[in-house]
Full PDB file with SEQRES, HELIX, SHEET, SSBOND, CRYST1, ORIGX, SCALE, CONECT and MASTER records, all heavy atoms in Angstrom:
SEQRES   1 A   36  VAL GLU ASN THR ILE SER THR VAL ILE ARG LEU SER PRO          
SEQRES   2 A   36  LYS TRP GLU ASP VAL LYS ASN ALA PHE GLN GLU LEU THR          
SEQRES   3 A   36  LYS GLU SER LYS HIS ILE ALA THR THR GLU                      
HELIX    1 AA1 GLU A    2  LEU A   11  1                                  10    
HELIX    2 AA2 TRP A   15  LYS A   27  1                                  13    
CRYST1    1.000    1.000    1.000  90.00  90.00  90.00 P 1           1          
ORIGX1      1.000000  0.000000  0.000000        0.00000                         
ORIGX2      0.000000  1.000000  0.000000        0.00000                         
ORIGX3      0.000000  0.000000  1.000000        0.00000                         
SCALE1      1.000000  0.000000  0.000000        0.00000                         
SCALE2      0.000000  1.000000  0.000000        0.00000                         
SCALE3      0.000000  0.000000  1.000000        0.00000                         
ATOM      1  N   VAL A   1      -0.402   6.414  13.179  1.00  0.00           N  
ATOM      2  CA  VAL A   1      -0.547   4.970  13.394  1.00  0.00           C  
ATOM      3  C   VAL A   1      -1.933   4.536  12.918  1.00  0.00           C  
ATOM      4  O   VAL A   1      -2.105   3.576  12.172  1.00  0.00           O  
ATOM      5  CB  VAL A   1      -0.349   4.617  14.896  1.00  0.00           C  
ATOM      6  CG1 VAL A   1      -0.639   3.150  15.170  1.00  0.00           C  
ATOM      7  CG2 VAL A   1       1.049   4.984  15.325  1.00  0.00           C  
ATOM      8  N   GLU A   2      -2.943   5.245  13.355  1.00  0.00           N  
ATOM      9  CA  GLU A   2      -4.286   4.953  12.985  1.00  0.00           C  
ATOM     10  C   GLU A   2      -4.489   5.075  11.471  1.00  0.00           C  
ATOM     11  O   GLU A   2      -5.026   4.103  10.871  1.00  0.00           O  
ATOM     12  CB  GLU A   2      -5.219   5.930  13.677  1.00  0.00           C  
ATOM     13  CG  GLU A   2      -6.677   5.871  13.200  1.00  0.00           C  
ATOM     14  CD  GLU A   2      -7.480   7.021  13.735  1.00  0.00           C  
ATOM     15  OE1 GLU A   2      -7.304   7.400  14.899  1.00  0.00           O  
ATOM     16  OE2 GLU A   2      -8.293   7.555  12.974  1.00  0.00           O  
ATOM     17  N   ASN A   3      -3.987   6.089  10.855  1.00  0.00           N  
ATOM     18  CA  ASN A   3      -4.110   6.263   9.453  1.00  0.00           C  
ATOM     19  C   ASN A   3      -3.448   5.196   8.638  1.00  0.00           C  
ATOM     20  O   ASN A   3      -3.956   4.759   7.613  1.00  0.00           O  
ATOM     21  CB  ASN A   3      -3.641   7.674   9.041  1.00  0.00           C  
ATOM     22  CG  ASN A   3      -4.466   8.769   9.648  1.00  0.00           C  
ATOM     23  OD1 ASN A   3      -5.596   8.579  10.061  1.00  0.00           O  
ATOM     24  ND2 ASN A   3      -3.875   9.958   9.700  1.00  0.00           N  
ATOM     25  N   THR A   4      -2.272   4.792   9.092  1.00  0.00           N  
ATOM     26  CA  THR A   4      -1.524   3.759   8.361  1.00  0.00           C  
ATOM     27  C   THR A   4      -2.216   2.411   8.412  1.00  0.00           C  
ATOM     28  O   THR A   4      -2.341   1.750   7.412  1.00  0.00           O  
ATOM     29  CB  THR A   4      -0.118   3.671   8.956  1.00  0.00           C  
ATOM     30  OG1 THR A   4       0.599   4.822   8.786  1.00  0.00           O  
ATOM     31  CG2 THR A   4       0.650   2.512   8.260  1.00  0.00           C  
ATOM     32  N   ILE A   5      -2.646   2.019   9.600  1.00  0.00           N  
ATOM     33  CA  ILE A   5      -3.311   0.743   9.722  1.00  0.00           C  
ATOM     34  C   ILE A   5      -4.606   0.709   8.938  1.00  0.00           C  
ATOM     35  O   ILE A   5      -4.927  -0.269   8.318  1.00  0.00           O  
ATOM     36  CB  ILE A   5      -3.610   0.424  11.218  1.00  0.00           C  
ATOM     37  CG1 ILE A   5      -2.229   0.158  11.928  1.00  0.00           C  
ATOM     38  CG2 ILE A   5      -4.418  -0.838  11.358  1.00  0.00           C  
ATOM     39  CD1 ILE A   5      -2.345  -0.157  13.369  1.00  0.00           C  
ATOM     40  N   SER A   6      -5.359   1.820   8.940  1.00  0.00           N  
ATOM     41  CA  SER A   6      -6.549   1.944   8.142  1.00  0.00           C  
ATOM     42  C   SER A   6      -6.266   1.760   6.672  1.00  0.00           C  
ATOM     43  O   SER A   6      -7.008   1.069   5.949  1.00  0.00           O  
ATOM     44  CB  SER A   6      -7.251   3.255   8.413  1.00  0.00           C  
ATOM     45  OG  SER A   6      -7.610   3.384   9.757  1.00  0.00           O  
ATOM     46  N   THR A   7      -5.166   2.377   6.207  1.00  0.00           N  
ATOM     47  CA  THR A   7      -4.780   2.248   4.781  1.00  0.00           C  
ATOM     48  C   THR A   7      -4.388   0.834   4.483  1.00  0.00           C  
ATOM     49  O   THR A   7      -4.786   0.290   3.462  1.00  0.00           O  
ATOM     50  CB  THR A   7      -3.601   3.205   4.496  1.00  0.00           C  
ATOM     51  OG1 THR A   7      -3.985   4.534   4.779  1.00  0.00           O  
ATOM     52  CG2 THR A   7      -3.181   3.049   3.055  1.00  0.00           C  
ATOM     53  N   VAL A   8      -3.612   0.216   5.353  1.00  0.00           N  
ATOM     54  CA  VAL A   8      -3.241  -1.169   5.113  1.00  0.00           C  
ATOM     55  C   VAL A   8      -4.448  -2.090   4.995  1.00  0.00           C  
ATOM     56  O   VAL A   8      -4.561  -2.973   4.186  1.00  0.00           O  
ATOM     57  CB  VAL A   8      -2.335  -1.696   6.285  1.00  0.00           C  
ATOM     58  CG1 VAL A   8      -2.159  -3.185   6.208  1.00  0.00           C  
ATOM     59  CG2 VAL A   8      -0.950  -1.004   6.183  1.00  0.00           C  
ATOM     60  N   ILE A   9      -5.476  -1.845   5.870  1.00  0.00           N  
ATOM     61  CA  ILE A   9      -6.702  -2.637   5.823  1.00  0.00           C  
ATOM     62  C   ILE A   9      -7.361  -2.512   4.479  1.00  0.00           C  
ATOM     63  O   ILE A   9      -7.844  -3.446   3.890  1.00  0.00           O  
ATOM     64  CB  ILE A   9      -7.646  -2.191   6.948  1.00  0.00           C  
ATOM     65  CG1 ILE A   9      -7.104  -2.568   8.322  1.00  0.00           C  
ATOM     66  CG2 ILE A   9      -9.014  -2.857   6.780  1.00  0.00           C  
ATOM     67  CD1 ILE A   9      -7.850  -2.014   9.454  1.00  0.00           C  
ATOM     68  N   ARG A  10      -7.408  -1.236   3.967  1.00  0.00           N  
ATOM     69  CA  ARG A  10      -8.084  -1.013   2.697  1.00  0.00           C  
ATOM     70  C   ARG A  10      -7.344  -1.601   1.515  1.00  0.00           C  
ATOM     71  O   ARG A  10      -7.902  -2.074   0.545  1.00  0.00           O  
ATOM     72  CB  ARG A  10      -8.275   0.478   2.470  1.00  0.00           C  
ATOM     73  CG  ARG A  10      -9.330   1.093   3.405  1.00  0.00           C  
ATOM     74  CD  ARG A  10      -9.709   2.481   2.900  1.00  0.00           C  
ATOM     75  NE  ARG A  10      -8.573   3.434   3.036  1.00  0.00           N  
ATOM     76  CZ  ARG A  10      -8.290   4.123   4.113  1.00  0.00           C  
ATOM     77  NH1 ARG A  10      -9.051   4.026   5.189  1.00  0.00           N  
ATOM     78  NH2 ARG A  10      -7.281   4.965   4.115  1.00  0.00           N  
ATOM     79  N   LEU A  11      -5.997  -1.644   1.609  1.00  0.00           N  
ATOM     80  CA  LEU A  11      -5.181  -2.107   0.500  1.00  0.00           C  
ATOM     81  C   LEU A  11      -5.317  -3.669   0.291  1.00  0.00           C  
ATOM     82  O   LEU A  11      -5.457  -4.076  -0.841  1.00  0.00           O  
ATOM     83  CB  LEU A  11      -3.689  -1.833   0.756  1.00  0.00           C  
ATOM     84  CG  LEU A  11      -3.239  -0.428   0.454  1.00  0.00           C  
ATOM     85  CD1 LEU A  11      -1.784  -0.286   0.913  1.00  0.00           C  
ATOM     86  CD2 LEU A  11      -3.406  -0.074  -0.994  1.00  0.00           C  
ATOM     87  N   SER A  12      -5.383  -4.369   1.385  1.00  0.00           N  
ATOM     88  CA  SER A  12      -5.464  -5.820   1.251  1.00  0.00           C  
ATOM     89  C   SER A  12      -5.792  -6.444   2.609  1.00  0.00           C  
ATOM     90  O   SER A  12      -5.242  -6.011   3.643  1.00  0.00           O  
ATOM     91  CB  SER A  12      -4.151  -6.388   0.723  1.00  0.00           C  
ATOM     92  OG  SER A  12      -4.192  -7.783   0.719  1.00  0.00           O  
ATOM     93  N   PRO A  13      -6.600  -7.520   2.621  1.00  0.00           N  
ATOM     94  CA  PRO A  13      -6.852  -8.239   3.836  1.00  0.00           C  
ATOM     95  C   PRO A  13      -5.708  -9.084   4.287  1.00  0.00           C  
ATOM     96  O   PRO A  13      -5.671  -9.533   5.436  1.00  0.00           O  
ATOM     97  CB  PRO A  13      -8.099  -9.066   3.484  1.00  0.00           C  
ATOM     98  CG  PRO A  13      -7.980  -9.270   2.026  1.00  0.00           C  
ATOM     99  CD  PRO A  13      -7.427  -8.038   1.494  1.00  0.00           C  
ATOM    100  N   LYS A  14      -4.754  -9.321   3.391  1.00  0.00           N  
ATOM    101  CA  LYS A  14      -3.628 -10.152   3.740  1.00  0.00           C  
ATOM    102  C   LYS A  14      -2.330  -9.333   3.713  1.00  0.00           C  
ATOM    103  O   LYS A  14      -2.054  -8.663   2.683  1.00  0.00           O  
ATOM    104  CB  LYS A  14      -3.481 -11.290   2.798  1.00  0.00           C  
ATOM    105  CG  LYS A  14      -4.669 -12.286   2.833  1.00  0.00           C  
ATOM    106  CD  LYS A  14      -4.466 -13.441   1.866  1.00  0.00           C  
ATOM    107  CE  LYS A  14      -5.610 -14.432   1.918  1.00  0.00           C  
ATOM    108  NZ  LYS A  14      -5.430 -15.541   0.947  1.00  0.00           N  
ATOM    109  N   TRP A  15      -1.532  -9.430   4.773  1.00  0.00           N  
ATOM    110  CA  TRP A  15      -0.320  -8.625   4.855  1.00  0.00           C  
ATOM    111  C   TRP A  15       0.608  -8.884   3.706  1.00  0.00           C  
ATOM    112  O   TRP A  15       1.288  -7.991   3.120  1.00  0.00           O  
ATOM    113  CB  TRP A  15       0.377  -8.903   6.157  1.00  0.00           C  
ATOM    114  CG  TRP A  15       1.730  -8.253   6.257  1.00  0.00           C  
ATOM    115  CD1 TRP A  15       2.933  -8.815   6.214  1.00  0.00           C  
ATOM    116  CD2 TRP A  15       1.982  -6.826   6.416  1.00  0.00           C  
ATOM    117  NE1 TRP A  15       3.941  -7.889   6.335  1.00  0.00           N  
ATOM    118  CE2 TRP A  15       3.379  -6.686   6.446  1.00  0.00           C  
ATOM    119  CE3 TRP A  15       1.182  -5.698   6.484  1.00  0.00           C  
ATOM    120  CZ2 TRP A  15       4.002  -5.399   6.574  1.00  0.00           C  
ATOM    121  CZ3 TRP A  15       1.773  -4.407   6.619  1.00  0.00           C  
ATOM    122  CH2 TRP A  15       3.168  -4.301   6.670  1.00  0.00           C  
ATOM    123  N   GLU A  16       0.744 -10.151   3.295  1.00  0.00           N  
ATOM    124  CA  GLU A  16       1.682 -10.438   2.202  1.00  0.00           C  
ATOM    125  C   GLU A  16       1.284  -9.817   0.897  1.00  0.00           C  
ATOM    126  O   GLU A  16       2.115  -9.699  -0.030  1.00  0.00           O  
ATOM    127  CB  GLU A  16       1.798 -11.981   2.036  1.00  0.00           C  
ATOM    128  CG  GLU A  16       0.534 -12.682   1.724  1.00  0.00           C  
ATOM    129  CD  GLU A  16      -0.196 -13.241   2.985  1.00  0.00           C  
ATOM    130  OE1 GLU A  16       0.005 -12.606   4.032  1.00  0.00           O  
ATOM    131  OE2 GLU A  16      -0.904 -14.210   2.840  1.00  0.00           O  
ATOM    132  N   ASP A  17       0.031  -9.454   0.761  1.00  0.00           N  
ATOM    133  CA  ASP A  17      -0.455  -8.823  -0.457  1.00  0.00           C  
ATOM    134  C   ASP A  17      -0.347  -7.273  -0.428  1.00  0.00           C  
ATOM    135  O   ASP A  17      -0.515  -6.592  -1.432  1.00  0.00           O  
ATOM    136  CB  ASP A  17      -1.885  -9.192  -0.768  1.00  0.00           C  
ATOM    137  CG  ASP A  17      -2.024 -10.696  -1.102  1.00  0.00           C  
ATOM    138  OD1 ASP A  17      -1.034 -11.292  -1.481  1.00  0.00           O  
ATOM    139  OD2 ASP A  17      -3.151 -11.223  -0.858  1.00  0.00           O  
ATOM    140  N   VAL A  18      -0.086  -6.714   0.712  1.00  0.00           N  
ATOM    141  CA  VAL A  18      -0.027  -5.266   0.889  1.00  0.00           C  
ATOM    142  C   VAL A  18       1.072  -4.638  -0.010  1.00  0.00           C  
ATOM    143  O   VAL A  18       0.841  -3.677  -0.691  1.00  0.00           O  
ATOM    144  CB  VAL A  18       0.187  -4.845   2.361  1.00  0.00           C  
ATOM    145  CG1 VAL A  18       0.475  -3.346   2.459  1.00  0.00           C  
ATOM    146  CG2 VAL A  18      -1.038  -5.208   3.162  1.00  0.00           C  
ATOM    147  N   LYS A  19       2.204  -5.300  -0.034  1.00  0.00           N  
ATOM    148  CA  LYS A  19       3.299  -4.773  -0.816  1.00  0.00           C  
ATOM    149  C   LYS A  19       2.980  -4.670  -2.289  1.00  0.00           C  
ATOM    150  O   LYS A  19       3.209  -3.654  -2.978  1.00  0.00           O  
ATOM    151  CB  LYS A  19       4.511  -5.686  -0.645  1.00  0.00           C  
ATOM    152  CG  LYS A  19       5.825  -5.099  -1.179  1.00  0.00           C  
ATOM    153  CD  LYS A  19       6.982  -5.912  -0.779  1.00  0.00           C  
ATOM    154  CE  LYS A  19       8.324  -5.322  -1.222  1.00  0.00           C  
ATOM    155  NZ  LYS A  19       9.476  -6.107  -0.773  1.00  0.00           N  
ATOM    156  N   ASN A  20       2.344  -5.720  -2.820  1.00  0.00           N  
ATOM    157  CA  ASN A  20       1.922  -5.650  -4.223  1.00  0.00           C  
ATOM    158  C   ASN A  20       0.870  -4.666  -4.550  1.00  0.00           C  
ATOM    159  O   ASN A  20       0.939  -3.919  -5.539  1.00  0.00           O  
ATOM    160  CB  ASN A  20       1.388  -7.089  -4.673  1.00  0.00           C  
ATOM    161  CG  ASN A  20       2.493  -8.113  -4.652  1.00  0.00           C  
ATOM    162  OD1 ASN A  20       3.646  -7.841  -4.867  1.00  0.00           O  
ATOM    163  ND2 ASN A  20       2.082  -9.394  -4.394  1.00  0.00           N  
ATOM    164  N   ALA A  21      -0.097  -4.566  -3.618  1.00  0.00           N  
ATOM    165  CA  ALA A  21      -1.143  -3.543  -3.794  1.00  0.00           C  
ATOM    166  C   ALA A  21      -0.554  -2.144  -3.742  1.00  0.00           C  
ATOM    167  O   ALA A  21      -0.969  -1.239  -4.490  1.00  0.00           O  
ATOM    168  CB  ALA A  21      -2.208  -3.719  -2.660  1.00  0.00           C  
ATOM    169  N   PHE A  22       0.416  -1.935  -2.882  1.00  0.00           N  
ATOM    170  CA  PHE A  22       1.019  -0.633  -2.712  1.00  0.00           C  
ATOM    171  C   PHE A  22       1.841  -0.301  -3.909  1.00  0.00           C  
ATOM    172  O   PHE A  22       1.874   0.868  -4.362  1.00  0.00           O  
ATOM    173  CB  PHE A  22       1.916  -0.636  -1.461  1.00  0.00           C  
ATOM    174  CG  PHE A  22       2.576   0.708  -1.197  1.00  0.00           C  
ATOM    175  CD1 PHE A  22       1.783   1.778  -0.809  1.00  0.00           C  
ATOM    176  CD2 PHE A  22       3.899   0.885  -1.343  1.00  0.00           C  
ATOM    177  CE1 PHE A  22       2.344   3.007  -0.593  1.00  0.00           C  
ATOM    178  CE2 PHE A  22       4.482   2.103  -1.097  1.00  0.00           C  
ATOM    179  CZ  PHE A  22       3.707   3.198  -0.766  1.00  0.00           C  
ATOM    180  N   GLN A  23       2.497  -1.266  -4.515  1.00  0.00           N  
ATOM    181  CA  GLN A  23       3.327  -0.987  -5.696  1.00  0.00           C  
ATOM    182  C   GLN A  23       2.497  -0.523  -6.856  1.00  0.00           C  
ATOM    183  O   GLN A  23       2.963   0.275  -7.709  1.00  0.00           O  
ATOM    184  CB  GLN A  23       4.082  -2.248  -6.116  1.00  0.00           C  
ATOM    185  CG  GLN A  23       5.302  -2.557  -5.259  1.00  0.00           C  
ATOM    186  CD  GLN A  23       6.014  -3.804  -5.625  1.00  0.00           C  
ATOM    187  OE1 GLN A  23       5.465  -4.888  -5.603  1.00  0.00           O  
ATOM    188  NE2 GLN A  23       7.279  -3.652  -6.079  1.00  0.00           N  
ATOM    189  N   GLU A  24       1.240  -0.917  -6.902  1.00  0.00           N  
ATOM    190  CA  GLU A  24       0.332  -0.457  -7.963  1.00  0.00           C  
ATOM    191  C   GLU A  24       0.101   1.059  -7.836  1.00  0.00           C  
ATOM    192  O   GLU A  24      -0.042   1.743  -8.845  1.00  0.00           O  
ATOM    193  CB  GLU A  24      -1.004  -1.186  -7.912  1.00  0.00           C  
ATOM    194  CG  GLU A  24      -0.920  -2.665  -8.266  1.00  0.00           C  
ATOM    195  CD  GLU A  24      -0.338  -2.881  -9.697  1.00  0.00           C  
ATOM    196  OE1 GLU A  24      -0.801  -2.175 -10.585  1.00  0.00           O  
ATOM    197  OE2 GLU A  24       0.570  -3.676  -9.816  1.00  0.00           O  
ATOM    198  N   LEU A  25       0.071   1.524  -6.607  1.00  0.00           N  
ATOM    199  CA  LEU A  25      -0.110   2.964  -6.388  1.00  0.00           C  
ATOM    200  C   LEU A  25       1.073   3.769  -6.877  1.00  0.00           C  
ATOM    201  O   LEU A  25       0.935   4.791  -7.516  1.00  0.00           O  
ATOM    202  CB  LEU A  25      -0.336   3.258  -4.880  1.00  0.00           C  
ATOM    203  CG  LEU A  25      -1.593   2.732  -4.252  1.00  0.00           C  
ATOM    204  CD1 LEU A  25      -1.561   3.078  -2.762  1.00  0.00           C  
ATOM    205  CD2 LEU A  25      -2.832   3.328  -4.901  1.00  0.00           C  
ATOM    206  N   THR A  26       2.293   3.236  -6.650  1.00  0.00           N  
ATOM    207  CA  THR A  26       3.470   3.916  -7.032  1.00  0.00           C  
ATOM    208  C   THR A  26       3.609   3.954  -8.575  1.00  0.00           C  
ATOM    209  O   THR A  26       4.120   4.918  -9.149  1.00  0.00           O  
ATOM    210  CB  THR A  26       4.756   3.268  -6.451  1.00  0.00           C  
ATOM    211  OG1 THR A  26       4.953   1.987  -6.980  1.00  0.00           O  
ATOM    212  CG2 THR A  26       4.614   3.204  -4.926  1.00  0.00           C  
ATOM    213  N   LYS A  27       3.126   2.926  -9.244  1.00  0.00           N  
ATOM    214  CA  LYS A  27       3.166   2.914 -10.732  1.00  0.00           C  
ATOM    215  C   LYS A  27       2.365   4.046 -11.329  1.00  0.00           C  
ATOM    216  O   LYS A  27       2.664   4.518 -12.412  1.00  0.00           O  
ATOM    217  CB  LYS A  27       2.671   1.562 -11.229  1.00  0.00           C  
ATOM    218  CG  LYS A  27       3.625   0.407 -10.999  1.00  0.00           C  
ATOM    219  CD  LYS A  27       2.985  -0.892 -11.506  1.00  0.00           C  
ATOM    220  CE  LYS A  27       3.940  -2.077 -11.170  1.00  0.00           C  
ATOM    221  NZ  LYS A  27       3.318  -3.368 -11.587  1.00  0.00           N  
ATOM    222  N   GLU A  28       1.323   4.454 -10.648  1.00  0.00           N  
ATOM    223  CA  GLU A  28       0.429   5.500 -11.136  1.00  0.00           C  
ATOM    224  C   GLU A  28       0.935   6.841 -10.763  1.00  0.00           C  
ATOM    225  O   GLU A  28       0.250   7.882 -10.942  1.00  0.00           O  
ATOM    226  CB  GLU A  28      -0.960   5.292 -10.580  1.00  0.00           C  
ATOM    227  CG  GLU A  28      -1.585   3.968 -11.031  1.00  0.00           C  
ATOM    228  CD  GLU A  28      -2.883   3.619 -10.276  1.00  0.00           C  
ATOM    229  OE1 GLU A  28      -3.370   4.562  -9.536  1.00  0.00           O  
ATOM    230  OE2 GLU A  28      -3.457   2.557 -10.474  1.00  0.00           O  
ATOM    231  N   SER A  29       2.119   6.929 -10.098  1.00  0.00           N  
ATOM    232  CA  SER A  29       2.721   8.178  -9.642  1.00  0.00           C  
ATOM    233  C   SER A  29       1.915   8.899  -8.560  1.00  0.00           C  
ATOM    234  O   SER A  29       2.149  10.088  -8.328  1.00  0.00           O  
ATOM    235  CB  SER A  29       2.946   9.130 -10.841  1.00  0.00           C  
ATOM    236  OG  SER A  29       3.830   8.587 -11.762  1.00  0.00           O  
ATOM    237  N   LYS A  30       0.997   8.196  -7.963  1.00  0.00           N  
ATOM    238  CA  LYS A  30       0.240   8.853  -6.885  1.00  0.00           C  
ATOM    239  C   LYS A  30       1.015   8.879  -5.616  1.00  0.00           C  
ATOM    240  O   LYS A  30       0.688   9.642  -4.701  1.00  0.00           O  
ATOM    241  CB  LYS A  30      -1.066   8.059  -6.646  1.00  0.00           C  
ATOM    242  CG  LYS A  30      -2.080   8.169  -7.814  1.00  0.00           C  
ATOM    243  CD  LYS A  30      -3.316   7.397  -7.496  1.00  0.00           C  
ATOM    244  CE  LYS A  30      -4.306   7.502  -8.660  1.00  0.00           C  
ATOM    245  NZ  LYS A  30      -5.556   6.735  -8.420  1.00  0.00           N  
ATOM    246  N   HIS A  31       2.090   8.114  -5.560  1.00  0.00           N  
ATOM    247  CA  HIS A  31       2.916   8.061  -4.360  1.00  0.00           C  
ATOM    248  C   HIS A  31       4.367   7.986  -4.853  1.00  0.00           C  
ATOM    249  O   HIS A  31       4.634   7.778  -6.009  1.00  0.00           O  
ATOM    250  CB  HIS A  31       2.510   6.871  -3.505  1.00  0.00           C  
ATOM    251  CG  HIS A  31       3.075   6.868  -2.112  1.00  0.00           C  
ATOM    252  ND1 HIS A  31       2.709   7.845  -1.204  1.00  0.00           N  
ATOM    253  CD2 HIS A  31       3.940   6.063  -1.517  1.00  0.00           C  
ATOM    254  CE1 HIS A  31       3.309   7.591  -0.056  1.00  0.00           C  
ATOM    255  NE2 HIS A  31       4.104   6.538  -0.220  1.00  0.00           N  
ATOM    256  N   ILE A  32       5.259   8.196  -3.939  1.00  0.00           N  
ATOM    257  CA  ILE A  32       6.699   8.143  -4.327  1.00  0.00           C  
ATOM    258  C   ILE A  32       7.102   6.744  -4.866  1.00  0.00           C  
ATOM    259  O   ILE A  32       6.423   5.748  -4.575  1.00  0.00           O  
ATOM    260  CB  ILE A  32       7.586   8.440  -3.086  1.00  0.00           C  
ATOM    261  CG1 ILE A  32       7.446   7.387  -2.037  1.00  0.00           C  
ATOM    262  CG2 ILE A  32       7.305   9.810  -2.551  1.00  0.00           C  
ATOM    263  CD1 ILE A  32       8.545   7.346  -1.021  1.00  0.00           C  
ATOM    264  N   ALA A  33       8.156   6.672  -5.617  1.00  0.00           N  
ATOM    265  CA  ALA A  33       8.631   5.440  -6.141  1.00  0.00           C  
ATOM    266  C   ALA A  33       9.344   4.670  -5.028  1.00  0.00           C  
ATOM    267  O   ALA A  33      10.372   5.120  -4.485  1.00  0.00           O  
ATOM    268  CB  ALA A  33       9.633   5.688  -7.290  1.00  0.00           C  
ATOM    269  N   THR A  34       8.788   3.538  -4.652  1.00  0.00           N  
ATOM    270  CA  THR A  34       9.346   2.709  -3.639  1.00  0.00           C  
ATOM    271  C   THR A  34       8.669   1.324  -3.612  1.00  0.00           C  
ATOM    272  O   THR A  34       7.557   1.219  -4.140  1.00  0.00           O  
ATOM    273  CB  THR A  34       9.132   3.372  -2.218  1.00  0.00           C  
ATOM    274  OG1 THR A  34       9.761   2.597  -1.212  1.00  0.00           O  
ATOM    275  CG2 THR A  34       7.661   3.457  -1.876  1.00  0.00           C  
ATOM    276  N   THR A  35       9.313   0.391  -2.957  1.00  0.00           N  
ATOM    277  CA  THR A  35       8.698  -0.960  -2.757  1.00  0.00           C  
ATOM    278  C   THR A  35       8.409  -1.162  -1.271  1.00  0.00           C  
ATOM    279  O   THR A  35       8.063  -2.242  -0.891  1.00  0.00           O  
ATOM    280  CB  THR A  35       9.611  -2.051  -3.303  1.00  0.00           C  
ATOM    281  OG1 THR A  35      10.871  -1.961  -2.630  1.00  0.00           O  
ATOM    282  CG2 THR A  35       9.849  -1.915  -4.776  1.00  0.00           C  
ATOM    283  N   GLU A  36       8.576  -0.115  -0.477  1.00  0.00           N  
ATOM    284  CA  GLU A  36       8.420  -0.268   0.956  1.00  0.00           C  
ATOM    285  C   GLU A  36       7.068   0.221   1.405  1.00  0.00           C  
ATOM    286  O   GLU A  36       6.843   1.445   1.400  1.00  0.00           O  
ATOM    287  CB  GLU A  36       9.528   0.506   1.664  1.00  0.00           C  
ATOM    288  CG  GLU A  36       9.437   0.584   3.162  1.00  0.00           C  
ATOM    289  CD  GLU A  36       9.294  -0.804   3.788  1.00  0.00           C  
ATOM    290  OE1 GLU A  36      10.223  -1.608   3.659  1.00  0.00           O  
ATOM    291  OE2 GLU A  36       8.199  -1.073   4.364  1.00  0.00           O  
TER     292      GLU A  36                                                      
MASTER        0    0    0    2    0    0    0    6  291    1    0    3          
END                                                                             
């Protein structure tokens, strides 16, 4: 829980932007392919 919220904070200050920021990580193959 702690680690996830900390990651979300680092990805974007706005929740609606988290999904877009996260998708950039998946494009680089650093994380699994997903939009979730």
